[in-house]
Amino acid sequence: MDITVLDMLVINGKQELSNLRTEESGSKITAITNEVIRHTIQFENESDLNILYDPTLNLTLPTDIAADYVADSLTVYVNGEEKSLDKDIIFENGKGKLNLGELLESNELQPNDDIMVTLHYRFKNIVDTRLTIPGAAITGTYMAEGESKTFPLMNLSQLEIEFQNEELTLNKVPESIQFGVNDIPTSTSTYNRINESFAFQVIDTLQAAEAKKWQINATLKSDFQTSSGDPLFSDLIFTNKKGVEYILQKDTPVPAYVNDELTTYGVRNIEYGSNEGLTLRVIGGAPIKKSETYTAVIEWNLSEGPKE
């Protein structure tokens, strides 16, 4: 906690970083390259004075690495109310500045005014590094001897991000895929999944382009059957993002996704549209148990992809 007093003016402030993927927050967090980090700064006028106007937030990002402010991620709250902004923070040579005065009554920091600012950063191509971010600074303007003077209200302590080593992990897969409750078909029929979401998440912080040639495989481990082992005469079909269809055969992996983004780092969310991913084709005229649930098992795994 940092407190600055100008005569009887007392400003109380704090800040923290948050990893939006892991939800870890604090002055020191861990991260992987290319994921989004939220920076929250909050300060309050705890005095009964309003002698300061045009309070300004000053931010600094390291200039020796690829550190980017995520455009349009800025949000400002005054006394718990979100304020409409007609501008964004512009960073030049690692320095960013935001005048908060226009969001306040008469441009002044009123008694008990509480201001919270959030914005997002992205740090690219960083591994096995501890990164220090200078703390935010708040300045204000006041009148002294008939002159307008800028005063440093608060300099918050520095923040730290520890970037983890290179990693390639299949972090999330579709867990339960539903094809709905259907009438018994009299002819061969195809059913789309009823799940709105069908997505994978891969954490890829590998640096070498050749190592980034990986793929996600789908392997049918158990055909559709009831709990008592009655089979469903059907085909599970996987349509990849390029429109190529594969009929899944038991214990035979097929490529659900082949990575070709060899310069992209960090968290990769791979989402499939309504006509992509899994569909079910049921053979018409084959015996089907009424009022029974049929279940199949698919294994997803990450492997080395095709090389040129």
C-alpha atoms as a PDB file:
ATOM      1  CA  MET A   1       0.000   0.000   0.000  1.00  0.00           C
ATOM      2  CA  ASP A   2       1.363   3.439  -0.968  1.00  0.00           C
ATOM      3  CA  ILE A   3       0.118   6.655   0.663  1.00  0.00           C
ATOM      4  CA  THR A   4       0.971  10.215  -0.348  1.00  0.00           C
ATOM      5  CA  VAL A   5       0.043  13.272   1.697  1.00  0.00           C
ATOM      6  CA  LEU A   6      -0.044  16.840   0.324  1.00  0.00           C
ATOM      7  CA  ASP A   7      -0.965  19.032   3.287  1.00  0.00           C
ATOM      8  CA  MET A   8      -4.050  17.129   4.481  1.00  0.00           C
ATOM      9  CA  LEU A   9      -4.663  15.225   1.232  1.00  0.00           C
ATOM     10  CA  VAL A  10      -4.482  11.443   1.595  1.00  0.00           C
ATOM     11  CA  ILE A  11      -4.523   9.163  -1.464  1.00  0.00           C
ATOM     12  CA  ASN A  12      -4.624   5.402  -0.952  1.00  0.00           C
ATOM     13  CA  GLY A  13      -3.783   3.165  -3.907  1.00  0.00           C
ATOM     14  CA  LYS A  14      -3.132  -0.424  -4.954  1.00  0.00           C
ATOM     15  CA  GLN A  15      -2.578  -2.443  -8.112  1.00  0.00           C
ATOM     16  CA  GLU A  16      -2.327  -6.055  -9.241  1.00  0.00           C
ATOM     17  CA  LEU A  17      -1.858  -8.256 -12.275  1.00  0.00           C
ATOM     18  CA  SER A  18      -4.220 -11.099 -13.196  1.00  0.00           C
ATOM     19  CA  ASN A  19      -3.656 -14.039 -15.519  1.00  0.00           C
ATOM     20  CA  LEU A  20      -7.016 -14.395 -17.283  1.00  0.00           C
ATOM     21  CA  ARG A  21      -6.364 -18.059 -18.102  1.00  0.00           C
ATOM     22  CA  THR A  22      -5.354 -19.300 -14.646  1.00  0.00           C
ATOM     23  CA  GLU A  23      -7.167 -16.579 -12.639  1.00  0.00           C
ATOM     24  CA  GLU A  24      -3.989 -16.057 -10.601  1.00  0.00           C
ATOM     25  CA  SER A  25      -3.771 -12.483  -9.254  1.00  0.00           C
ATOM     26  CA  GLY A  26      -1.312 -10.430  -7.251  1.00  0.00           C
ATOM     27  CA  SER A  27       1.837  -8.356  -7.516  1.00  0.00           C
ATOM     28  CA  LYS A  28       3.715 -11.461  -8.717  1.00  0.00           C
ATOM     29  CA  ILE A  29       2.132 -13.958 -11.105  1.00  0.00           C
ATOM     30  CA  THR A  30       3.190 -16.666 -13.542  1.00  0.00           C
ATOM     31  CA  ALA A  31       2.267 -16.762 -17.225  1.00  0.00           C
ATOM     32  CA  ILE A  32       3.133 -18.199 -20.581  1.00  0.00           C
ATOM     33  CA  THR A  33       4.021 -16.171 -23.626  1.00  0.00           C
ATOM     34  CA  ASN A  34       1.287 -14.492 -25.672  1.00  0.00           C
ATOM     35  CA  GLU A  35      -1.523 -14.817 -23.155  1.00  0.00           C
ATOM     36  CA  VAL A  36      -3.550 -11.862 -21.905  1.00  0.00           C
ATOM     37  CA  ILE A  37      -2.638 -10.259 -18.560  1.00  0.00           C
ATOM     38  CA  ARG A  38      -4.985  -7.800 -16.862  1.00  0.00           C
ATOM     39  CA  HIS A  39      -3.553  -4.817 -14.952  1.00  0.00           C
ATOM     40  CA  THR A  40      -5.848  -3.285 -12.313  1.00  0.00           C
ATOM     41  CA  ILE A  41      -5.046   0.051 -10.646  1.00  0.00           C
ATOM     42  CA  GLN A  42      -7.263   1.524  -7.933  1.00  0.00           C
ATOM     43  CA  PHE A  43      -6.900   4.682  -5.866  1.00  0.00           C
ATOM     44  CA  GLU A  44      -9.110   6.686  -3.515  1.00  0.00           C
ATOM     45  CA  ASN A  45      -9.132  10.205  -2.054  1.00  0.00           C
ATOM     46  CA  GLU A  46      -9.533   9.419   1.640  1.00  0.00           C
ATOM     47  CA  SER A  47      -9.453  13.064   2.729  1.00  0.00           C
ATOM     48  CA  ASP A  48     -12.143  15.772   2.806  1.00  0.00           C
ATOM     49  CA  LEU A  49     -10.253  17.913   0.280  1.00  0.00           C
ATOM     50  CA  ASN A  50     -10.731  18.456  -3.438  1.00  0.00           C
ATOM     51  CA  ILE A  51      -7.672  20.604  -4.151  1.00  0.00           C
ATOM     52  CA  LEU A  52      -6.410  18.373  -6.976  1.00  0.00           C
ATOM     53  CA  TYR A  53      -7.692  18.284 -10.531  1.00  0.00           C
ATOM     54  CA  ASP A  54      -6.824  16.351 -13.691  1.00  0.00           C
ATOM     55  CA  PRO A  55      -5.539  13.221 -11.927  1.00  0.00           C
ATOM     56  CA  THR A  56      -3.468  11.338 -14.500  1.00  0.00           C
ATOM     57  CA  LEU A  57      -2.496   7.686 -14.674  1.00  0.00           C
ATOM     58  CA  ASN A  58       1.058   7.035 -15.895  1.00  0.00           C
ATOM     59  CA  LEU A  59       2.052   3.534 -17.011  1.00  0.00           C
ATOM     60  CA  THR A  60       5.333   2.011 -18.175  1.00  0.00           C
ATOM     61  CA  LEU A  61       5.992  -1.179 -20.136  1.00  0.00           C
ATOM     62  CA  PRO A  62       9.425  -2.699 -20.781  1.00  0.00           C
ATOM     63  CA  THR A  63      10.831  -1.638 -24.147  1.00  0.00           C
ATOM     64  CA  ASP A  64      13.404  -4.416 -24.556  1.00  0.00           C
ATOM     65  CA  ILE A  65      10.765  -7.114 -25.201  1.00  0.00           C
ATOM     66  CA  ALA A  66       7.617  -7.444 -27.311  1.00  0.00           C
ATOM     67  CA  ALA A  67       5.148  -5.951 -24.807  1.00  0.00           C
ATOM     68  CA  ASP A  68       1.849  -4.758 -26.235  1.00  0.00           C
ATOM     69  CA  TYR A  69      -1.154  -3.013 -24.770  1.00  0.00           C
ATOM     70  CA  VAL A  70      -4.319  -4.769 -25.978  1.00  0.00           C
ATOM     71  CA  ALA A  71      -6.225  -2.040 -27.803  1.00  0.00           C
ATOM     72  CA  ASP A  72      -9.696  -1.131 -26.538  1.00  0.00           C
ATOM     73  CA  SER A  73      -9.278  -3.153 -23.342  1.00  0.00           C
ATOM     74  CA  LEU A  74      -9.358  -0.017 -21.159  1.00  0.00           C
ATOM     75  CA  THR A  75     -12.158   0.257 -18.580  1.00  0.00           C
ATOM     76  CA  VAL A  76     -12.550   2.997 -15.954  1.00  0.00           C
ATOM     77  CA  TYR A  77     -14.858   2.936 -12.933  1.00  0.00           C
ATOM     78  CA  VAL A  78     -15.544   5.990 -10.759  1.00  0.00           C
ATOM     79  CA  ASN A  79     -17.188   5.131  -7.439  1.00  0.00           C
ATOM     80  CA  GLY A  80     -18.238   1.769  -8.857  1.00  0.00           C
ATOM     81  CA  GLU A  81     -19.825   3.197 -12.016  1.00  0.00           C
ATOM     82  CA  GLU A  82     -18.300   2.349 -15.380  1.00  0.00           C
ATOM     83  CA  LYS A  83     -17.512   5.502 -17.332  1.00  0.00           C
ATOM     84  CA  SER A  84     -17.809   5.907 -21.074  1.00  0.00           C
ATOM     85  CA  LEU A  85     -14.487   6.656 -22.770  1.00  0.00           C
ATOM     86  CA  ASP A  86     -14.005   8.297 -26.149  1.00  0.00           C
ATOM     87  CA  LYS A  87     -10.266   7.607 -26.229  1.00  0.00           C
ATOM     88  CA  ASP A  88      -7.745   4.863 -25.570  1.00  0.00           C
ATOM     89  CA  ILE A  89      -4.311   4.799 -23.954  1.00  0.00           C
ATOM     90  CA  ILE A  90      -1.559   5.336 -26.498  1.00  0.00           C
ATOM     91  CA  PHE A  91       1.810   3.841 -25.579  1.00  0.00           C
ATOM     92  CA  GLU A  92       4.913   5.423 -27.077  1.00  0.00           C
ATOM     93  CA  ASN A  93       8.365   4.059 -26.233  1.00  0.00           C
ATOM     94  CA  GLY A  94       6.819   2.065 -23.419  1.00  0.00           C
ATOM     95  CA  LYS A  95       5.065   5.054 -21.829  1.00  0.00           C
ATOM     96  CA  GLY A  96       1.301   5.407 -21.565  1.00  0.00           C
ATOM     97  CA  LYS A  97      -0.745   8.215 -20.034  1.00  0.00           C
ATOM     98  CA  LEU A  98      -4.459   8.666 -19.285  1.00  0.00           C
ATOM     99  CA  ASN A  99      -6.008  11.888 -17.974  1.00  0.00           C
ATOM    100  CA  LEU A 100      -8.899  10.887 -15.726  1.00  0.00           C
ATOM    101  CA  GLY A 101     -10.018  14.429 -14.946  1.00  0.00           C
ATOM    102  CA  GLU A 102     -12.660  14.572 -17.678  1.00  0.00           C
ATOM    103  CA  LEU A 103     -14.479  11.674 -16.011  1.00  0.00           C
ATOM    104  CA  LEU A 104     -14.761  13.542 -12.694  1.00  0.00           C
ATOM    105  CA  GLU A 105     -16.986  16.339 -11.470  1.00  0.00           C
ATOM    106  CA  SER A 106     -15.330  19.669 -12.382  1.00  0.00           C
ATOM    107  CA  ASN A 107     -12.207  17.665 -13.323  1.00  0.00           C
ATOM    108  CA  GLU A 108     -11.459  17.453  -9.589  1.00  0.00           C
ATOM    109  CA  LEU A 109     -10.694  14.527  -7.348  1.00  0.00           C
ATOM    110  CA  GLN A 110     -13.564  14.827  -4.876  1.00  0.00           C
ATOM    111  CA  PRO A 111     -13.514  13.560  -1.267  1.00  0.00           C
ATOM    112  CA  ASN A 112     -13.923   9.764  -1.162  1.00  0.00           C
ATOM    113  CA  ASP A 113     -13.687   9.455  -4.949  1.00  0.00           C
ATOM    114  CA  ASP A 114     -12.680   5.882  -5.775  1.00  0.00           C
ATOM    115  CA  ILE A 115     -11.210   5.253  -9.219  1.00  0.00           C
ATOM    116  CA  MET A 116     -10.408   1.856 -10.704  1.00  0.00           C
ATOM    117  CA  VAL A 117      -8.739   1.332 -14.081  1.00  0.00           C
ATOM    118  CA  THR A 118      -8.294  -2.015 -15.831  1.00  0.00           C
ATOM    119  CA  LEU A 119      -6.443  -2.759 -19.053  1.00  0.00           C
ATOM    120  CA  HIS A 120      -4.833  -5.757 -20.731  1.00  0.00           C
ATOM    121  CA  TYR A 121      -1.303  -6.523 -21.926  1.00  0.00           C
ATOM    122  CA  ARG A 122       0.162  -9.256 -24.095  1.00  0.00           C
ATOM    123  CA  PHE A 123       3.848 -10.243 -23.899  1.00  0.00           C
ATOM    124  CA  LYS A 124       5.102 -12.106 -26.958  1.00  0.00           C
ATOM    125  CA  ASN A 125       7.740 -14.784 -27.453  1.00  0.00           C
ATOM    126  CA  ILE A 126       8.998 -14.807 -23.864  1.00  0.00           C
ATOM    127  CA  VAL A 127      10.047 -17.983 -22.018  1.00  0.00           C
ATOM    128  CA  ASP A 128      11.962 -18.769 -18.851  1.00  0.00           C
ATOM    129  CA  THR A 129      12.138 -15.103 -17.923  1.00  0.00           C
ATOM    130  CA  ARG A 130      11.211 -13.044 -14.871  1.00  0.00           C
ATOM    131  CA  LEU A 131       9.810  -9.743 -16.137  1.00  0.00           C
ATOM    132  CA  THR A 132       9.569  -6.636 -13.969  1.00  0.00           C
ATOM    133  CA  ILE A 133       6.919  -4.021 -14.775  1.00  0.00           C
ATOM    134  CA  PRO A 134       7.350  -0.571 -13.194  1.00  0.00           C
ATOM    135  CA  GLY A 135       4.506   0.345 -10.873  1.00  0.00           C
ATOM    136  CA  ALA A 136       1.819   2.753 -12.028  1.00  0.00           C
ATOM    137  CA  ALA A 137       2.146   6.388 -11.016  1.00  0.00           C
ATOM    138  CA  ILE A 138      -0.642   8.885 -10.352  1.00  0.00           C
ATOM    139  CA  THR A 139      -0.072  12.599 -10.752  1.00  0.00           C
ATOM    140  CA  GLY A 140      -2.399  15.534 -10.154  1.00  0.00           C
ATOM    141  CA  THR A 141      -2.474  19.267 -10.657  1.00  0.00           C
ATOM    142  CA  TYR A 142      -3.013  21.862  -7.934  1.00  0.00           C
ATOM    143  CA  MET A 143      -2.795  25.634  -7.551  1.00  0.00           C
ATOM    144  CA  ALA A 144       0.078  27.060  -5.516  1.00  0.00           C
ATOM    145  CA  GLU A 145       0.841  30.771  -5.323  1.00  0.00           C
ATOM    146  CA  GLY A 146      -1.371  31.390  -8.318  1.00  0.00           C
ATOM    147  CA  GLU A 147       0.403  28.828 -10.457  1.00  0.00           C
ATOM    148  CA  SER A 148      -0.695  25.413 -11.701  1.00  0.00           C
ATOM    149  CA  LYS A 149       1.709  22.702 -10.587  1.00  0.00           C
ATOM    150  CA  THR A 150       1.859  18.954 -11.173  1.00  0.00           C
ATOM    151  CA  PHE A 151       2.313  16.823  -8.079  1.00  0.00           C
ATOM    152  CA  PRO A 152       3.138  13.080  -7.855  1.00  0.00           C
ATOM    153  CA  LEU A 153       0.285  11.645  -5.828  1.00  0.00           C
ATOM    154  CA  MET A 154       1.447   8.087  -5.743  1.00  0.00           C
ATOM    155  CA  ASN A 155       4.109   5.723  -7.093  1.00  0.00           C
ATOM    156  CA  LEU A 156       3.001   2.130  -6.735  1.00  0.00           C
ATOM    157  CA  SER A 157       5.402  -0.755  -6.253  1.00  0.00           C
ATOM    158  CA  GLN A 158       6.681  -2.698  -9.247  1.00  0.00           C
ATOM    159  CA  LEU A 159       4.974  -5.835 -10.520  1.00  0.00           C
ATOM    160  CA  GLU A 160       6.493  -9.121 -11.650  1.00  0.00           C
ATOM    161  CA  ILE A 161       5.602 -11.856 -14.134  1.00  0.00           C
ATOM    162  CA  GLU A 162       7.498 -15.122 -14.259  1.00  0.00           C
ATOM    163  CA  PHE A 163       7.210 -16.638 -17.723  1.00  0.00           C
ATOM    164  CA  GLN A 164       7.364 -20.403 -17.716  1.00  0.00           C
ATOM    165  CA  ASN A 165       9.509 -22.699 -19.817  1.00  0.00           C
ATOM    166  CA  GLU A 166       8.607 -23.953 -23.273  1.00  0.00           C
ATOM    167  CA  GLU A 167       5.504 -26.117 -23.236  1.00  0.00           C
ATOM    168  CA  LEU A 168       3.264 -28.036 -25.610  1.00  0.00           C
ATOM    169  CA  THR A 169       0.098 -29.278 -23.898  1.00  0.00           C
ATOM    170  CA  LEU A 170      -3.376 -30.278 -25.002  1.00  0.00           C
ATOM    171  CA  ASN A 171      -5.127 -28.356 -22.249  1.00  0.00           C
ATOM    172  CA  LYS A 172      -8.827 -28.736 -23.073  1.00  0.00           C
ATOM    173  CA  VAL A 173     -10.810 -31.122 -25.295  1.00  0.00           C
ATOM    174  CA  PRO A 174     -14.539 -31.651 -25.983  1.00  0.00           C
ATOM    175  CA  GLU A 175     -15.618 -33.676 -22.967  1.00  0.00           C
ATOM    176  CA  SER A 176     -19.182 -34.768 -23.796  1.00  0.00           C
ATOM    177  CA  ILE A 177     -20.614 -34.683 -27.307  1.00  0.00           C
ATOM    178  CA  GLN A 178     -24.354 -35.159 -27.660  1.00  0.00           C
ATOM    179  CA  PHE A 179     -26.386 -36.079 -30.746  1.00  0.00           C
ATOM    180  CA  GLY A 180     -29.753 -35.693 -29.072  1.00  0.00           C
ATOM    181  CA  VAL A 181     -32.818 -37.894 -28.643  1.00  0.00           C
ATOM    182  CA  ASN A 182     -33.999 -39.114 -32.036  1.00  0.00           C
ATOM    183  CA  ASP A 183     -36.635 -41.319 -33.632  1.00  0.00           C
ATOM    184  CA  ILE A 184     -35.436 -44.669 -34.923  1.00  0.00           C
ATOM    185  CA  PRO A 185     -34.572 -44.000 -38.588  1.00  0.00           C
ATOM    186  CA  THR A 186     -36.087 -46.099 -41.385  1.00  0.00           C
ATOM    187  CA  SER A 187     -33.296 -45.054 -43.762  1.00  0.00           C
ATOM    188  CA  THR A 188     -29.670 -44.086 -43.274  1.00  0.00           C
ATOM    189  CA  SER A 189     -29.633 -40.715 -41.489  1.00  0.00           C
ATOM    190  CA  THR A 190     -26.958 -38.247 -40.393  1.00  0.00           C
ATOM    191  CA  TYR A 191     -27.125 -36.313 -37.114  1.00  0.00           C
ATOM    192  CA  ASN A 192     -25.172 -33.205 -36.154  1.00  0.00           C
ATOM    193  CA  ARG A 193     -24.048 -32.647 -32.594  1.00  0.00           C
ATOM    194  CA  ILE A 194     -26.367 -30.530 -30.453  1.00  0.00           C
ATOM    195  CA  ASN A 195     -23.514 -29.005 -28.419  1.00  0.00           C
ATOM    196  CA  GLU A 196     -22.949 -25.355 -29.353  1.00  0.00           C
ATOM    197  CA  SER A 197     -19.287 -25.531 -28.424  1.00  0.00           C
ATOM    198  CA  PHE A 198     -16.724 -27.892 -29.931  1.00  0.00           C
ATOM    199  CA  ALA A 199     -13.198 -26.704 -29.253  1.00  0.00           C
ATOM    200  CA  PHE A 200      -9.667 -27.612 -28.252  1.00  0.00           C
ATOM    201  CA  GLN A 201      -7.189 -25.529 -26.296  1.00  0.00           C
ATOM    202  CA  VAL A 202      -3.477 -26.060 -26.830  1.00  0.00           C
ATOM    203  CA  ILE A 203      -0.716 -24.326 -24.889  1.00  0.00           C
ATOM    204  CA  ASP A 204       2.170 -23.902 -27.318  1.00  0.00           C
ATOM    205  CA  THR A 205       5.179 -21.888 -26.212  1.00  0.00           C
ATOM    206  CA  LEU A 206       7.699 -23.738 -28.360  1.00  0.00           C
ATOM    207  CA  GLN A 207      10.151 -21.441 -30.073  1.00  0.00           C
ATOM    208  CA  ALA A 208      11.463 -23.517 -32.988  1.00  0.00           C
ATOM    209  CA  ALA A 209       9.111 -23.525 -35.984  1.00  0.00           C
ATOM    210  CA  GLU A 210       9.942 -27.155 -36.803  1.00  0.00           C
ATOM    211  CA  ALA A 211       8.866 -28.234 -33.304  1.00  0.00           C
ATOM    212  CA  LYS A 212       5.533 -26.457 -33.736  1.00  0.00           C
ATOM    213  CA  LYS A 213       4.396 -28.886 -36.441  1.00  0.00           C
ATOM    214  CA  TRP A 214       2.005 -30.796 -34.204  1.00  0.00           C
ATOM    215  CA  GLN A 215      -1.448 -32.248 -34.664  1.00  0.00           C
ATOM    216  CA  ILE A 216      -4.463 -33.278 -32.588  1.00  0.00           C
ATOM    217  CA  ASN A 217      -5.625 -36.841 -33.232  1.00  0.00           C
ATOM    218  CA  ALA A 218      -9.027 -38.431 -32.697  1.00  0.00           C
ATOM    219  CA  THR A 219      -9.068 -42.174 -31.967  1.00  0.00           C
ATOM    220  CA  LEU A 220     -12.261 -44.191 -31.599  1.00  0.00           C
ATOM    221  CA  LYS A 221     -11.688 -46.428 -28.562  1.00  0.00           C
ATOM    222  CA  SER A 222     -15.172 -47.873 -28.228  1.00  0.00           C
ATOM    223  CA  ASP A 223     -17.985 -48.064 -30.823  1.00  0.00           C
ATOM    224  CA  PHE A 224     -21.487 -46.868 -30.005  1.00  0.00           C
ATOM    225  CA  GLN A 225     -23.272 -49.378 -27.799  1.00  0.00           C
ATOM    226  CA  THR A 226     -25.765 -49.572 -24.971  1.00  0.00           C
ATOM    227  CA  SER A 227     -24.776 -50.210 -21.365  1.00  0.00           C
ATOM    228  CA  SER A 228     -25.511 -53.904 -21.989  1.00  0.00           C
ATOM    229  CA  GLY A 229     -23.265 -53.992 -25.083  1.00  0.00           C
ATOM    230  CA  ASP A 230     -25.836 -53.823 -27.897  1.00  0.00           C
ATOM    231  CA  PRO A 231     -24.167 -52.098 -30.868  1.00  0.00           C
ATOM    232  CA  LEU A 232     -25.407 -49.147 -32.887  1.00  0.00           C
ATOM    233  CA  PHE A 233     -24.742 -49.734 -36.564  1.00  0.00           C
ATOM    234  CA  SER A 234     -23.293 -46.367 -37.428  1.00  0.00           C
ATOM    235  CA  ASP A 235     -20.306 -44.309 -38.520  1.00  0.00           C
ATOM    236  CA  LEU A 236     -18.698 -41.462 -36.593  1.00  0.00           C
ATOM    237  CA  ILE A 237     -17.404 -38.903 -39.069  1.00  0.00           C
ATOM    238  CA  PHE A 238     -14.895 -36.184 -38.264  1.00  0.00           C
ATOM    239  CA  THR A 239     -14.788 -33.126 -40.544  1.00  0.00           C
ATOM    240  CA  ASN A 240     -11.660 -31.043 -40.043  1.00  0.00           C
ATOM    241  CA  LYS A 241     -11.373 -27.287 -40.501  1.00  0.00           C
ATOM    242  CA  LYS A 242     -10.407 -27.719 -44.144  1.00  0.00           C
ATOM    243  CA  GLY A 243     -13.557 -29.689 -44.887  1.00  0.00           C
ATOM    244  CA  VAL A 244     -11.851 -33.107 -45.130  1.00  0.00           C
ATOM    245  CA  GLU A 245     -13.976 -35.960 -43.761  1.00  0.00           C
ATOM    246  CA  TYR A 246     -12.647 -39.026 -41.927  1.00  0.00           C
ATOM    247  CA  ILE A 247     -14.671 -42.049 -40.860  1.00  0.00           C
ATOM    248  CA  LEU A 248     -13.382 -43.078 -37.451  1.00  0.00           C
ATOM    249  CA  GLN A 249     -12.261 -46.704 -37.230  1.00  0.00           C
ATOM    250  CA  LYS A 250     -11.573 -48.318 -33.873  1.00  0.00           C
ATOM    251  CA  ASP A 251      -8.028 -47.751 -32.553  1.00  0.00           C
ATOM    252  CA  THR A 252      -7.019 -45.853 -35.720  1.00  0.00           C
ATOM    253  CA  PRO A 253      -6.100 -42.181 -35.135  1.00  0.00           C
ATOM    254  CA  VAL A 254      -7.203 -39.537 -37.643  1.00  0.00           C
ATOM    255  CA  PRO A 255      -5.943 -35.925 -37.721  1.00  0.00           C
ATOM    256  CA  ALA A 256      -8.586 -33.693 -36.152  1.00  0.00           C
ATOM    257  CA  TYR A 257      -6.339 -30.627 -36.473  1.00  0.00           C
ATOM    258  CA  VAL A 258      -2.929 -30.070 -38.074  1.00  0.00           C
ATOM    259  CA  ASN A 259      -1.131 -26.966 -36.890  1.00  0.00           C
ATOM    260  CA  ASP A 260       0.173 -24.676 -39.611  1.00  0.00           C
ATOM    261  CA  GLU A 261       0.556 -21.509 -37.514  1.00  0.00           C
ATOM    262  CA  LEU A 262       4.267 -21.837 -36.892  1.00  0.00           C
ATOM    263  CA  THR A 263       4.819 -18.318 -35.563  1.00  0.00           C
ATOM    264  CA  THR A 264       1.910 -18.237 -33.070  1.00  0.00           C
ATOM    265  CA  TYR A 265       2.762 -18.632 -29.379  1.00  0.00           C
ATOM    266  CA  GLY A 266       0.833 -19.169 -26.172  1.00  0.00           C
ATOM    267  CA  VAL A 267      -2.757 -20.264 -25.663  1.00  0.00           C
ATOM    268  CA  ARG A 268      -4.381 -21.561 -28.854  1.00  0.00           C
ATOM    269  CA  ASN A 269      -8.173 -21.898 -28.892  1.00  0.00           C
ATOM    270  CA  ILE A 270      -9.244 -24.043 -31.852  1.00  0.00           C
ATOM    271  CA  GLU A 271     -12.986 -23.791 -32.392  1.00  0.00           C
ATOM    272  CA  TYR A 272     -15.142 -25.737 -34.834  1.00  0.00           C
ATOM    273  CA  GLY A 273     -18.265 -24.501 -36.599  1.00  0.00           C
ATOM    274  CA  SER A 274     -21.632 -26.268 -36.688  1.00  0.00           C
ATOM    275  CA  ASN A 275     -20.659 -28.152 -39.873  1.00  0.00           C
ATOM    276  CA  GLU A 276     -17.239 -29.161 -38.556  1.00  0.00           C
ATOM    277  CA  GLY A 277     -16.119 -31.686 -35.983  1.00  0.00           C
ATOM    278  CA  LEU A 278     -18.136 -34.840 -35.310  1.00  0.00           C
ATOM    279  CA  THR A 279     -21.313 -36.060 -37.018  1.00  0.00           C
ATOM    280  CA  LEU A 280     -23.101 -39.387 -36.585  1.00  0.00           C
ATOM    281  CA  ARG A 281     -24.409 -41.477 -39.481  1.00  0.00           C
ATOM    282  CA  VAL A 282     -26.849 -44.209 -38.440  1.00  0.00           C
ATOM    283  CA  ILE A 283     -27.521 -47.095 -40.828  1.00  0.00           C
ATOM    284  CA  GLY A 284     -31.219 -47.343 -41.655  1.00  0.00           C
ATOM    285  CA  GLY A 285     -33.048 -50.656 -41.171  1.00  0.00           C
ATOM    286  CA  ALA A 286     -30.490 -51.974 -38.674  1.00  0.00           C
ATOM    287  CA  PRO A 287     -31.751 -53.117 -35.247  1.00  0.00           C
ATOM    288  CA  ILE A 288     -31.880 -50.293 -32.685  1.00  0.00           C
ATOM    289  CA  LYS A 289     -33.037 -50.599 -29.094  1.00  0.00           C
ATOM    290  CA  LYS A 290     -35.878 -48.237 -28.273  1.00  0.00           C
ATOM    291  CA  SER A 291     -35.459 -45.878 -25.284  1.00  0.00           C
ATOM    292  CA  GLU A 292     -31.801 -46.843 -24.905  1.00  0.00           C
ATOM    293  CA  THR A 293     -28.750 -44.591 -24.712  1.00  0.00           C
ATOM    294  CA  TYR A 294     -25.829 -45.396 -26.986  1.00  0.00           C
ATOM    295  CA  THR A 295     -22.364 -44.244 -25.999  1.00  0.00           C
ATOM    296  CA  ALA A 296     -18.993 -44.240 -27.757  1.00  0.00           C
ATOM    297  CA  VAL A 297     -15.551 -43.268 -26.466  1.00  0.00           C
ATOM    298  CA  ILE A 298     -13.065 -41.093 -28.362  1.00  0.00           C
ATOM    299  CA  GLU A 299      -9.512 -40.412 -27.228  1.00  0.00           C
ATOM    300  CA  TRP A 300      -7.872 -37.099 -28.135  1.00  0.00           C
ATOM    301  CA  ASN A 301      -4.123 -36.734 -28.111  1.00  0.00           C
ATOM    302  CA  LEU A 302      -1.418 -34.358 -29.277  1.00  0.00           C
ATOM    303  CA  SER A 303       1.389 -35.721 -31.447  1.00  0.00           C
ATOM    304  CA  GLU A 304       4.151 -34.674 -33.794  1.00  0.00           C
ATOM    305  CA  GLY A 305       2.617 -33.466 -37.035  1.00  0.00           C
ATOM    306  CA  PRO A 306       3.643 -34.091 -40.647  1.00  0.00           C
ATOM    307  CA  LYS A 307       7.064 -32.769 -41.660  1.00  0.00           C
ATOM    308  CA  GLU A 308       7.937 -31.309 -45.034  1.00  0.00           C
END
